[in-house]
Amino acid sequence: MGHRAEEPPARRRAGAAERNGVKIPLPPGFDLAWTLGFLAARTVPSLERVGDGGYRRSLRLGDRQVTLALRPLPDRQGGPGALEVRTAPALPAAEVRRLVHRMFDLEADLGAFHALAAADPVLSRIVPRRPSIRLPQLLDPFEGIVRAVIGQQVSVAGAATLLDRLVRLLGEPAPELDGEAFLAFPTPLALASATPEAIGATGQTRAKVATLRGVAAAVLDGRIDWDRLRRGTAEASHETLVALPGIGPWTASYVRLRTLGDRDAFPAADLGVIKALRRLTPQGEGITPSEITALGERWRPWRGYATLHLWNSLAAPTD
């Protein structure tokens, strides 16, 4: 059934660190503090750690298991000018750059979004607070959809706890880096092979157990082809995902947002989105689903960024 961690997996051990640091310049104004805070709020301790000003985690890249560590390198003004990235095992520099660019959405040109936001009565109130935030991505799409399923109708912190239990049940040891060891995210085969009782013992509801096992089976039998979903239209990927039992519009939108890099994905039924718009619109508590959808239409093709800013607005008082 996989490796069960009986001790905290991010444990310190003796051993030499990988010395394959790759320097990756950050876009001007990159909001590293917000990015690390976003990741910290969703941290699954068996997989990842935010601390010491940086971030490290295990990654499953196809059949490979990798551990990655990032730390900021200051610019002349003392802000984060670049990231130093190390991996175990060592990866080619070009691959490291590609992974980190995708993980932190470094290639997005935010100018068009800022122009749209400046002219919008809702976004113009909240985007200036953190204008440089970007769309953090989960590089393992299977991890992304499992996170989305477990996150259905629970808090962010609650979802992280439930996912941590699942990883400790089914994850395998990832390569050590600096003597620190995490677990690799479970494979679709490991999840599909686990009994419903074992998965349920991690705190998942019966409905989520069925959905998780169904998603794993769909990946294994080819009904979910991540490359095809990325290449296809947003509408096609959405329809493929919602055709799976237990995957509704919210879950599909979250997967598109955090895993497929769809900057226009909009989880209109997300509780955080609804709460933010109740605070930011004249309709207040009376805002309807159709009105939220209509607002989203104004924000195309940047609804994913609008979603991030709506979530972020909940951490600060409105104007």
Protein backbone atom coordinates (compact mmCIF):
# COMPACT_ATOMS: atom_id res chain seq x y z
CA MET A 1 0.00 0.00 0.00
CA GLY A 2 3.05 2.26 0.01
CA HIS A 3 5.35 3.76 2.58
CA ARG A 4 3.83 4.97 5.82
CA ALA A 5 5.82 7.69 7.54
CA GLU A 6 5.98 7.02 11.25
CA GLU A 7 8.05 10.14 11.94
CA PRO A 8 7.95 13.65 10.50
CA PRO A 9 9.20 13.16 6.92
CA ALA A 10 10.99 16.51 6.79
CA ARG A 11 13.62 15.13 9.15
CA ARG A 12 17.25 16.15 9.30
CA ARG A 13 19.87 13.58 8.41
CA ALA A 14 23.59 13.69 7.88
CA GLY A 15 24.67 13.95 4.26
CA ALA A 16 26.10 16.24 1.63
CA ALA A 17 23.89 18.77 -0.12
CA GLU A 18 23.53 18.86 -3.86
CA ARG A 19 25.64 21.74 -5.20
CA ASN A 20 23.83 22.34 -8.46
CA GLY A 21 22.51 25.82 -7.78
CA VAL A 22 20.81 27.52 -10.73
CA LYS A 23 20.22 31.28 -10.61
CA ILE A 24 16.85 32.36 -11.98
CA PRO A 25 16.19 36.11 -12.31
CA LEU A 26 12.80 37.30 -11.07
CA PRO A 27 10.60 39.81 -12.92
CA PRO A 28 10.80 43.36 -11.55
CA GLY A 29 8.55 43.73 -8.52
CA PHE A 30 7.96 40.00 -8.13
CA ASP A 31 5.99 39.57 -4.88
CA LEU A 32 7.94 36.79 -3.23
CA ALA A 33 6.48 37.52 0.21
CA TRP A 34 2.94 37.02 -1.06
CA THR A 35 3.93 33.90 -3.00
CA LEU A 36 5.56 32.28 0.02
CA GLY A 37 2.55 33.22 2.14
CA PHE A 38 0.21 31.63 -0.39
CA LEU A 39 2.27 28.43 -0.34
CA ALA A 40 2.63 28.47 3.45
CA ALA A 41 -1.14 28.62 3.94
CA ARG A 42 -1.47 25.43 1.86
CA THR A 43 1.64 23.61 3.08
CA VAL A 44 1.46 19.84 3.35
CA PRO A 45 4.31 19.05 5.79
CA SER A 46 5.08 15.64 4.35
CA LEU A 47 5.61 17.23 0.91
CA GLU A 48 6.97 20.72 1.44
CA ARG A 49 8.24 23.43 3.76
CA VAL A 50 8.23 27.22 3.68
CA GLY A 51 10.89 28.70 5.93
CA ASP A 52 14.17 30.60 6.18
CA GLY A 53 12.89 32.92 3.48
CA GLY A 54 12.60 30.12 0.92
CA TYR A 55 10.69 27.06 -0.17
CA ARG A 56 11.51 23.40 -0.64
CA ARG A 57 9.44 20.42 -1.63
CA SER A 58 9.36 17.05 -3.31
CA LEU A 59 8.15 16.83 -6.90
CA ARG A 60 6.98 13.91 -8.97
CA LEU A 61 7.91 14.58 -12.60
CA GLY A 62 6.44 11.69 -14.54
CA ASP A 63 8.38 8.65 -13.35
CA ARG A 64 11.04 10.74 -11.60
CA GLN A 65 11.12 11.89 -8.00
CA VAL A 66 12.92 15.16 -7.32
CA THR A 67 13.45 17.37 -4.29
CA LEU A 68 13.80 21.07 -4.96
CA ALA A 69 14.99 23.96 -2.77
CA LEU A 70 14.68 27.65 -3.57
CA ARG A 71 16.11 30.62 -1.74
CA PRO A 72 15.99 34.29 -2.71
CA LEU A 73 19.06 36.23 -3.78
CA PRO A 74 18.71 39.96 -3.00
CA ASP A 75 19.07 42.69 -5.59
CA ARG A 76 20.86 45.99 -4.97
CA GLN A 77 17.79 47.40 -3.24
CA GLY A 78 17.57 44.41 -0.91
CA GLY A 79 14.51 42.90 -2.57
CA PRO A 80 14.36 39.45 -4.16
CA GLY A 81 16.19 39.84 -7.46
CA ALA A 82 16.61 36.16 -8.25
CA LEU A 83 16.13 32.66 -6.92
CA GLU A 84 18.87 30.13 -6.33
CA VAL A 85 17.45 26.68 -7.04
CA ARG A 86 19.02 23.34 -6.16
CA THR A 87 17.65 19.87 -6.80
CA ALA A 88 18.33 16.29 -5.81
CA PRO A 89 19.16 14.58 -8.03
CA ALA A 90 20.79 17.33 -10.06
CA LEU A 91 18.71 18.38 -13.06
CA PRO A 92 19.91 20.23 -16.17
CA ALA A 93 19.84 23.99 -15.68
CA ALA A 94 17.43 24.46 -18.58
CA GLU A 95 14.94 22.05 -17.02
CA VAL A 96 15.22 23.74 -13.63
CA ARG A 97 14.50 27.11 -15.22
CA ARG A 98 11.51 25.73 -17.09
CA LEU A 99 10.07 24.16 -13.93
CA VAL A 100 10.50 27.25 -11.77
CA HIS A 101 9.21 29.60 -14.47
CA ARG A 102 6.06 27.52 -14.59
CA MET A 103 5.78 27.01 -10.82
CA PHE A 104 5.86 30.76 -10.15
CA ASP A 105 4.25 31.98 -13.39
CA LEU A 106 7.31 34.08 -14.18
CA GLU A 107 6.57 34.59 -17.86
CA ALA A 108 3.21 36.29 -17.46
CA ASP A 109 3.01 39.87 -18.75
CA LEU A 110 0.76 41.57 -16.20
CA GLY A 111 0.45 44.83 -18.12
CA ALA A 112 -2.80 43.90 -19.86
CA PHE A 113 -4.34 42.67 -16.61
CA HIS A 114 -3.36 45.86 -14.80
CA ALA A 115 -4.98 47.95 -17.54
CA LEU A 116 -8.19 45.94 -17.26
CA ALA A 117 -8.15 46.16 -13.46
CA ALA A 118 -7.60 49.92 -13.44
CA ALA A 119 -10.82 50.42 -15.40
CA ASP A 120 -12.92 48.01 -13.32
CA PRO A 121 -14.83 49.26 -10.25
CA VAL A 122 -14.16 46.07 -8.27
CA LEU A 123 -10.62 45.17 -9.28
CA SER A 124 -9.38 48.78 -9.10
CA ARG A 125 -10.03 48.66 -5.35
CA ILE A 126 -7.99 45.54 -4.65
CA VAL A 127 -5.31 44.99 -7.30
CA PRO A 128 -3.16 47.98 -6.21
CA ARG A 129 -2.69 46.34 -2.80
CA ARG A 130 -0.54 43.55 -4.28
CA PRO A 131 -0.19 44.40 -7.98
CA SER A 132 2.56 41.89 -8.73
CA ILE A 133 1.04 38.64 -7.49
CA ARG A 134 1.10 35.76 -9.95
CA LEU A 135 -0.54 32.36 -10.31
CA PRO A 136 1.43 29.65 -8.42
CA GLN A 137 1.25 26.31 -10.20
CA LEU A 138 1.24 22.70 -9.01
CA LEU A 139 3.63 20.95 -11.39
CA ASP A 140 2.29 17.45 -10.78
CA PRO A 141 -1.22 17.51 -12.29
CA PHE A 142 -2.30 14.44 -10.34
CA GLU A 143 -1.37 16.19 -7.11
CA GLY A 144 -3.36 19.17 -8.36
CA ILE A 145 -6.58 17.28 -8.92
CA VAL A 146 -6.24 15.34 -5.66
CA ARG A 147 -5.74 18.62 -3.79
CA ALA A 148 -8.82 20.02 -5.48
CA VAL A 149 -10.99 17.03 -4.55
CA ILE A 150 -9.84 17.02 -0.94
CA GLY A 151 -10.40 20.79 -0.81
CA GLN A 152 -14.08 20.47 -1.68
CA GLN A 153 -16.17 22.16 1.03
CA VAL A 154 -13.40 22.31 3.63
CA SER A 155 -11.08 25.10 4.77
CA VAL A 156 -7.64 25.57 3.26
CA ALA A 157 -6.02 24.44 6.52
CA GLY A 158 -8.35 21.46 6.84
CA ALA A 159 -7.58 20.35 3.29
CA ALA A 160 -3.83 20.51 3.96
CA THR A 161 -4.25 18.31 7.04
CA LEU A 162 -6.31 15.72 5.17
CA LEU A 163 -3.87 15.65 2.28
CA ASP A 164 -0.92 15.24 4.62
CA ARG A 165 -2.53 12.11 6.08
CA LEU A 166 -3.04 10.68 2.61
CA VAL A 167 0.56 11.38 1.60
CA ARG A 168 1.86 9.75 4.78
CA LEU A 169 -0.24 6.68 4.00
CA LEU A 170 0.68 6.24 0.34
CA GLY A 171 3.74 8.39 -0.40
CA GLU A 172 7.24 7.06 -0.95
CA PRO A 173 10.51 8.63 0.23
CA ALA A 174 11.76 11.38 -2.06
CA PRO A 175 15.47 12.11 -2.60
CA GLU A 176 17.13 13.88 0.32
CA LEU A 177 18.50 17.40 -0.09
CA ASP A 178 20.70 18.96 2.58
CA GLY A 179 19.83 15.95 4.73
CA GLU A 180 16.13 16.88 4.66
CA ALA A 181 13.70 14.24 3.44
CA PHE A 182 10.11 14.55 2.28
CA LEU A 183 7.70 12.06 0.79
CA ALA A 184 6.88 11.99 -2.91
CA PHE A 185 3.23 12.49 -3.79
CA PRO A 186 1.38 9.17 -4.24
CA THR A 187 1.08 7.83 -7.78
CA PRO A 188 -2.30 7.19 -9.42
CA LEU A 189 -1.56 3.47 -9.12
CA ALA A 190 -0.91 3.73 -5.38
CA LEU A 191 -4.18 5.56 -4.84
CA ALA A 192 -6.20 3.28 -7.11
CA SER A 193 -4.76 0.21 -5.37
CA ALA A 194 -5.50 1.40 -1.84
CA THR A 195 -8.66 0.07 -0.24
CA PRO A 196 -11.55 2.47 0.38
CA GLU A 197 -11.22 1.72 4.08
CA ALA A 198 -7.55 2.74 4.14
CA ILE A 199 -8.23 6.00 2.32
CA GLY A 200 -11.25 6.70 4.49
CA ALA A 201 -9.13 6.24 7.61
CA THR A 202 -7.23 9.41 6.64
CA GLY A 203 -10.41 11.40 7.24
CA GLN A 204 -11.87 11.54 3.74
CA THR A 205 -15.62 11.21 3.33
CA ARG A 206 -17.04 8.22 1.48
CA ALA A 207 -17.92 10.47 -1.45
CA LYS A 208 -14.38 11.83 -1.66
CA VAL A 209 -12.88 8.35 -1.36
CA ALA A 210 -14.93 7.27 -4.36
CA THR A 211 -13.97 10.40 -6.30
CA LEU A 212 -10.26 10.04 -5.51
CA ARG A 213 -10.18 6.40 -6.58
CA GLY A 214 -12.17 7.26 -9.70
CA VAL A 215 -9.78 10.06 -10.65
CA ALA A 216 -6.80 7.74 -10.18
CA ALA A 217 -8.45 5.12 -12.39
CA ALA A 218 -9.22 7.76 -15.05
CA VAL A 219 -5.55 8.77 -15.19
CA LEU A 220 -4.45 5.15 -15.44
CA ASP A 221 -6.89 4.23 -18.22
CA GLY A 222 -6.25 7.39 -20.24
CA ARG A 223 -9.56 9.18 -19.78
CA ILE A 224 -7.49 11.96 -18.25
CA ASP A 225 -4.56 12.87 -20.48
CA TRP A 226 -2.86 15.91 -18.99
CA ASP A 227 -0.95 16.84 -22.15
CA ARG A 228 -4.16 16.76 -24.16
CA LEU A 229 -5.95 18.87 -21.55
CA ARG A 230 -3.19 21.49 -21.68
CA ARG A 231 -3.21 21.62 -25.48
CA GLY A 232 -6.98 21.73 -25.82
CA THR A 233 -9.38 24.59 -25.31
CA ALA A 234 -10.50 25.69 -21.86
CA GLU A 235 -14.00 24.50 -22.68
CA ALA A 236 -12.79 21.05 -23.73
CA SER A 237 -10.65 20.58 -20.63
CA HIS A 238 -13.52 21.71 -18.41
CA GLU A 239 -15.93 19.26 -20.02
CA THR A 240 -13.44 16.40 -19.69
CA LEU A 241 -13.00 17.07 -16.00
CA VAL A 242 -16.65 17.55 -15.06
CA ALA A 243 -17.51 14.30 -16.84
CA LEU A 244 -15.76 12.46 -13.99
CA PRO A 245 -17.97 11.45 -11.04
CA GLY A 246 -17.49 13.82 -8.12
CA ILE A 247 -15.83 16.56 -10.20
CA GLY A 248 -18.04 19.62 -10.45
CA PRO A 249 -17.46 23.09 -11.92
CA TRP A 250 -15.59 24.36 -8.85
CA THR A 251 -13.14 21.46 -8.82
CA ALA A 252 -12.60 21.63 -12.57
CA SER A 253 -11.97 25.38 -12.41
CA TYR A 254 -9.49 24.96 -9.56
CA VAL A 255 -7.58 22.30 -11.48
CA ARG A 256 -7.45 24.55 -14.53
CA LEU A 257 -6.31 27.47 -12.38
CA ARG A 258 -3.58 25.76 -10.32
CA THR A 259 -2.47 22.89 -12.56
CA LEU A 260 -3.21 23.66 -16.21
CA GLY A 261 -2.07 27.27 -16.00
CA ASP A 262 -5.38 28.65 -17.26
CA ARG A 263 -5.20 32.34 -16.40
CA ASP A 264 -8.88 32.72 -17.27
CA ALA A 265 -10.23 29.94 -15.03
CA PHE A 266 -12.91 31.30 -12.69
CA PRO A 267 -14.36 29.24 -9.81
CA ALA A 268 -17.47 31.39 -9.57
CA ALA A 269 -18.97 29.24 -6.79
CA ASP A 270 -15.85 29.44 -4.61
CA LEU A 271 -16.75 30.56 -1.10
CA GLY A 272 -13.80 32.95 -0.97
CA VAL A 273 -14.81 34.57 -4.26
CA ILE A 274 -18.39 34.94 -3.04
CA LYS A 275 -17.34 36.38 0.32
CA ALA A 276 -15.02 38.89 -1.34
CA LEU A 277 -17.66 40.06 -3.80
CA ARG A 278 -20.20 40.47 -1.02
CA ARG A 279 -17.77 42.97 0.51
CA LEU A 280 -16.78 44.69 -2.70
CA THR A 281 -20.02 45.12 -4.67
CA PRO A 282 -23.13 47.24 -4.09
CA GLN A 283 -25.25 44.07 -3.99
CA GLY A 284 -23.48 42.99 -0.82
CA GLU A 285 -24.94 39.87 0.77
CA GLY A 286 -27.59 39.77 -1.94
CA ILE A 287 -25.24 39.16 -4.86
CA THR A 288 -26.48 36.24 -6.95
CA PRO A 289 -24.59 33.50 -8.81
CA SER A 290 -25.65 34.99 -12.14
CA GLU A 291 -24.32 38.39 -11.11
CA ILE A 292 -20.99 36.83 -10.11
CA THR A 293 -20.79 35.09 -13.47
CA ALA A 294 -21.54 38.39 -15.22
CA LEU A 295 -18.79 40.13 -13.27
CA GLY A 296 -16.40 37.41 -14.35
CA GLU A 297 -17.27 38.03 -17.99
CA ARG A 298 -15.93 41.57 -17.60
CA TRP A 299 -12.59 40.19 -16.45
CA ARG A 300 -11.85 37.87 -19.38
CA PRO A 301 -9.21 36.70 -20.24
CA TRP A 302 -7.77 37.35 -16.75
CA ARG A 303 -10.38 35.82 -14.47
CA GLY A 304 -7.78 33.60 -12.81
CA TYR A 305 -5.83 36.66 -11.70
CA ALA A 306 -9.04 38.32 -10.58
CA THR A 307 -9.69 35.24 -8.45
CA LEU A 308 -6.29 35.54 -6.76
CA HIS A 309 -6.91 39.19 -5.95
CA LEU A 310 -10.38 38.44 -4.61
CA TRP A 311 -8.91 35.80 -2.31
CA ASN A 312 -6.17 38.18 -1.25
CA SER A 313 -8.70 40.93 -0.48
CA LEU A 314 -10.10 38.82 2.35
CA ALA A 315 -6.88 39.32 4.29
CA ALA A 316 -7.29 43.10 4.40
CA PRO A 317 -10.14 45.52 5.09
CA THR A 318 -11.99 46.96 2.11
CA ASP A 319 -11.62 50.63 1.23
